[in-house]
Every structure is written in structure tokens, then in C-alpha cells.
């Protein structure tokens, strides 16, 4: 019985260039997600880091507030120019 990777290689070999171009971003995002998860797995074992539980957001939802004056982000950008 062929492995999933073998079947995938065979199917990819029959794709047109346009079909391959459409599939490429999906494959790249899967690889990036895998690499990020590997990095997080290494950090979870390090007592210097506290990471949220897998699948939980890092921050609780919040309600933004409105302030007066120029936004700090604009002031910082103008200061660096």
C-alpha cells in the first residue's frame, strides 16, 4: 500500500502548471504551520517561557477604548522619519 507522500507525489506530477501554482500556497502554509508548532513545542519545555495552552488565544478579548489626540502609532512613525 503506497504512503500518503507517494500518492501525493504521483498526483502532483500530473498537475498542470496553473493547478500547481494554486496548490503551492496551501502547501507552503502547511509547512510554515508545522515549523511554528515545532518551535513552540521546544519553548514549552523551557521554564523561561509561558505559552498559552494549544489552541487557546494568547490574550482575552477586550473592548478597545477611544482616546483624544493623535494616535501613538502615528507619533512613533513620525518620530522615526
Protein backbone atom coordinates (compact mmCIF):
# COMPACT_ATOMS: atom_id res chain seq x y z
CA UNK A 1 0.00 0.00 0.00
CA UNK A 2 1.54 3.35 -1.03
CA UNK A 3 2.15 6.01 1.61
CA UNK A 4 0.35 9.33 1.57
CA UNK A 5 3.53 11.06 0.42
CA UNK A 6 3.92 8.65 -2.50
CA UNK A 7 0.32 9.18 -3.60
CA UNK A 8 0.76 12.94 -3.26
CA UNK A 9 3.94 12.91 -5.40
CA UNK A 10 2.16 10.92 -8.10
CA UNK A 11 -0.85 13.22 -8.17
CA UNK A 12 1.31 16.36 -8.19
CA UNK A 13 3.25 15.01 -11.17
CA UNK A 14 0.03 15.08 -13.21
CA UNK A 15 -0.97 18.67 -12.34
CA UNK A 16 -0.78 21.46 -14.86
CA UNK A 17 1.42 24.45 -14.05
CA UNK A 18 -1.65 26.54 -13.19
CA UNK A 19 -3.01 23.84 -10.86
CA UNK A 20 0.37 23.54 -9.16
CA UNK A 21 0.53 27.32 -8.70
CA UNK A 22 -2.89 27.25 -7.00
CA UNK A 23 -1.81 24.42 -4.69
CA UNK A 24 1.57 25.88 -3.73
CA UNK A 25 0.31 28.47 -1.16
CA UNK A 26 -1.62 25.75 0.66
CA UNK A 27 1.46 23.54 0.88
CA UNK A 28 3.65 26.44 1.99
CA UNK A 29 1.21 27.41 4.76
CA UNK A 30 1.10 23.80 5.99
CA UNK A 31 4.90 23.68 6.12
CA UNK A 32 5.08 27.04 7.94
CA UNK A 33 2.48 25.93 10.49
CA UNK A 34 4.42 22.73 11.12
CA UNK A 35 7.66 24.64 11.64
CA UNK A 36 5.98 27.07 14.04
CA UNK A 37 4.47 24.22 16.04
CA UNK A 38 7.91 22.57 16.30
CA UNK A 39 9.37 25.83 17.62
CA UNK A 40 6.57 26.21 20.17
CA UNK A 41 7.00 22.61 21.30
CA UNK A 42 10.63 23.36 22.11
CA UNK A 43 9.70 26.51 24.04
CA UNK A 44 7.00 24.74 26.08
CA UNK A 45 9.70 22.70 27.80
CA UNK A 46 11.72 25.81 28.70
CA UNK A 47 10.77 27.28 32.10
CA UNK A 48 11.72 30.78 30.88
CA UNK A 49 8.65 30.81 28.60
CA UNK A 50 4.97 30.62 29.44
CA UNK A 51 2.89 29.81 26.38
CA UNK A 52 -0.89 29.61 26.26
CA UNK A 53 -2.39 26.13 26.02
CA UNK A 54 -2.50 24.77 22.48
CA UNK A 55 -5.48 26.18 20.61
CA UNK A 56 -6.20 28.97 23.11
CA UNK A 57 -5.74 32.61 22.21
CA UNK A 58 -2.81 34.41 23.82
CA UNK A 59 -4.99 37.27 25.07
CA UNK A 60 -8.53 37.57 26.33
CA UNK A 61 -10.91 39.52 24.10
CA UNK A 62 -11.08 43.20 25.00
CA UNK A 63 -13.11 46.23 24.09
CA UNK A 64 -10.92 48.99 22.60
CA UNK A 65 -11.27 52.46 24.05
CA UNK A 66 -11.23 55.77 22.25
CA UNK A 67 -8.85 58.47 23.35
CA UNK A 68 -8.32 62.04 22.33
CA UNK A 69 -5.36 63.37 20.41
CA UNK A 70 -3.13 61.83 17.79
CA UNK A 71 -2.70 58.03 17.95
CA UNK A 72 0.59 56.91 19.49
CA UNK A 73 1.38 54.79 16.44
CA UNK A 74 1.33 57.88 14.21
CA UNK A 75 3.52 59.81 16.66
CA UNK A 76 6.07 56.98 16.75
CA UNK A 77 6.17 56.68 12.97
CA UNK A 78 6.60 60.44 12.54
CA UNK A 79 9.35 60.45 15.18
CA UNK A 80 11.31 57.77 13.32
CA UNK A 81 11.18 59.55 9.97
